[in-house]
């Protein structure tokens, strides 16, 4: 499952530089699949919709840091544990119960994001 940041976030920003997928953004900041990846052209999101990789998308949260689920791999293939959770001082980086995903799915996403 993807990791999510709860509303207990204190906006310290410790998590953002730790993400190998550039999936973490400050509240209110737009996101794009291309940010921190080698993706260009069209990209199919997990919900089946297609976006331009460099398309600016609305922030998921305006109030606190957030993780883009379509870019999160829980650090599978990079680290033994999600690095955002490892560095979070208030333990607000937690598994998203709405996005249960297997290791195979997470590894496939990693390969897709990091050509």
Protein backbone atom coordinates (compact mmCIF):
# COMPACT_ATOMS: atom_id res chain seq x y z
CA UNK A 1 0.00 0.00 0.00
CA UNK A 2 1.10 3.54 -0.55
CA UNK A 3 2.11 5.66 2.40
CA UNK A 4 0.04 8.68 3.38
CA UNK A 5 0.71 11.64 5.63
CA UNK A 6 -1.91 12.28 8.28
CA UNK A 7 -3.19 15.65 9.41
CA UNK A 8 -0.89 15.34 12.44
CA UNK A 9 1.93 16.53 10.14
CA UNK A 10 3.86 19.46 11.63
CA UNK A 11 5.22 20.55 8.21
CA UNK A 12 8.84 20.01 9.21
CA UNK A 13 9.76 18.76 5.72
CA UNK A 14 12.05 15.96 6.96
CA UNK A 15 10.32 13.42 4.72
CA UNK A 16 10.51 15.22 1.38
CA UNK A 17 14.24 14.84 0.59
CA UNK A 18 14.21 11.19 1.74
CA UNK A 19 11.77 10.01 -0.95
CA UNK A 20 13.56 8.20 -3.80
CA UNK A 21 10.54 8.78 -6.06
CA UNK A 22 10.00 12.48 -5.43
CA UNK A 23 6.47 11.57 -4.37
CA UNK A 24 6.31 13.95 -1.38
CA UNK A 25 5.26 17.56 -1.79
CA UNK A 26 4.74 20.50 0.52
CA UNK A 27 1.11 21.39 1.11
CA UNK A 28 -0.30 23.63 -1.62
CA UNK A 29 2.39 22.74 -4.17
CA UNK A 30 1.32 21.23 -7.49
CA UNK A 31 2.79 17.87 -8.47
CA UNK A 32 3.75 16.12 -11.71
CA UNK A 33 4.75 12.56 -12.54
CA UNK A 34 7.88 13.93 -14.26
CA UNK A 35 9.16 15.55 -11.05
CA UNK A 36 12.30 13.65 -10.13
CA UNK A 37 11.73 10.89 -12.68
CA UNK A 38 12.77 10.21 -16.27
CA UNK A 39 9.17 10.00 -17.47
CA UNK A 40 8.04 12.07 -20.44
CA UNK A 41 4.99 12.01 -22.67
CA UNK A 42 1.76 10.34 -21.57
CA UNK A 43 1.60 8.43 -18.29
CA UNK A 44 -1.22 6.14 -17.18
CA UNK A 45 -2.21 6.63 -13.54
CA UNK A 46 -3.33 3.74 -11.34
CA UNK A 47 -7.00 4.76 -11.75
CA UNK A 48 -6.67 4.26 -15.52
CA UNK A 49 -6.65 7.93 -16.45
CA UNK A 50 -3.84 9.31 -18.56
CA UNK A 51 -1.91 12.53 -17.92
CA UNK A 52 1.04 14.25 -19.51
CA UNK A 53 4.04 13.44 -17.33
CA UNK A 54 4.91 17.11 -16.99
CA UNK A 55 1.31 18.17 -16.33
CA UNK A 56 0.91 20.21 -13.15
CA UNK A 57 -1.73 18.54 -10.96
CA UNK A 58 -3.64 20.06 -8.08
CA UNK A 59 -2.16 19.54 -4.63
CA UNK A 60 -3.61 16.64 -2.66
CA UNK A 61 -3.40 18.80 0.48
CA UNK A 62 -3.14 22.53 0.93
CA UNK A 63 -2.38 22.35 4.66
CA UNK A 64 0.43 19.83 5.13
CA UNK A 65 2.91 17.69 3.23
CA UNK A 66 1.37 14.94 1.12
CA UNK A 67 2.42 11.85 -0.83
CA UNK A 68 1.26 11.25 -4.41
CA UNK A 69 0.07 7.62 -4.34
CA UNK A 70 0.84 7.10 -8.03
CA UNK A 71 4.51 7.82 -7.28
CA UNK A 72 4.86 6.03 -3.93
CA UNK A 73 6.57 2.64 -3.85
CA UNK A 74 6.95 2.47 -0.07
CA UNK A 75 10.67 2.59 -0.90
CA UNK A 76 10.46 -1.03 -2.14
CA UNK A 77 13.50 -1.69 -4.29
CA UNK A 78 15.38 1.18 -2.65
CA UNK A 79 15.31 0.68 1.14
CA UNK A 80 14.17 -1.84 3.74
CA UNK A 81 11.46 0.51 5.06
CA UNK A 82 9.68 3.66 3.92
CA UNK A 83 12.16 6.44 4.53
CA UNK A 84 9.49 9.08 5.14
CA UNK A 85 8.20 7.05 8.09
CA UNK A 86 11.73 6.44 9.34
CA UNK A 87 12.54 10.16 9.61
CA UNK A 88 9.13 11.55 10.61
CA UNK A 89 9.40 13.01 14.12
CA UNK A 90 5.66 12.70 14.80
CA UNK A 91 4.97 9.33 13.13
CA UNK A 92 2.42 10.72 10.68
CA UNK A 93 3.70 8.81 7.61
CA UNK A 94 1.55 5.68 7.76
CA UNK A 95 0.24 2.99 5.39
CA UNK A 96 -2.81 4.15 3.44
CA UNK A 97 -5.59 1.63 4.13
CA UNK A 98 -7.34 2.75 0.93
CA UNK A 99 -4.39 1.64 -1.25
CA UNK A 100 -3.35 -1.89 -0.37
CA UNK A 101 -0.71 -2.94 -2.93
CA UNK A 102 1.51 -5.99 -3.25
CA UNK A 103 5.29 -5.86 -3.43
CA UNK A 104 5.02 -6.84 -7.11
CA UNK A 105 2.85 -3.80 -7.83
CA UNK A 106 5.22 -1.52 -5.94
CA UNK A 107 8.26 -2.91 -7.79
CA UNK A 108 6.47 -2.51 -11.13
CA UNK A 109 5.71 1.13 -10.25
CA UNK A 110 9.38 1.66 -9.35
CA UNK A 111 10.47 0.27 -12.72
CA UNK A 112 7.89 2.43 -14.53
CA UNK A 113 9.02 5.61 -12.74
CA UNK A 114 12.75 4.92 -13.06
CA UNK A 115 13.32 3.81 -16.65
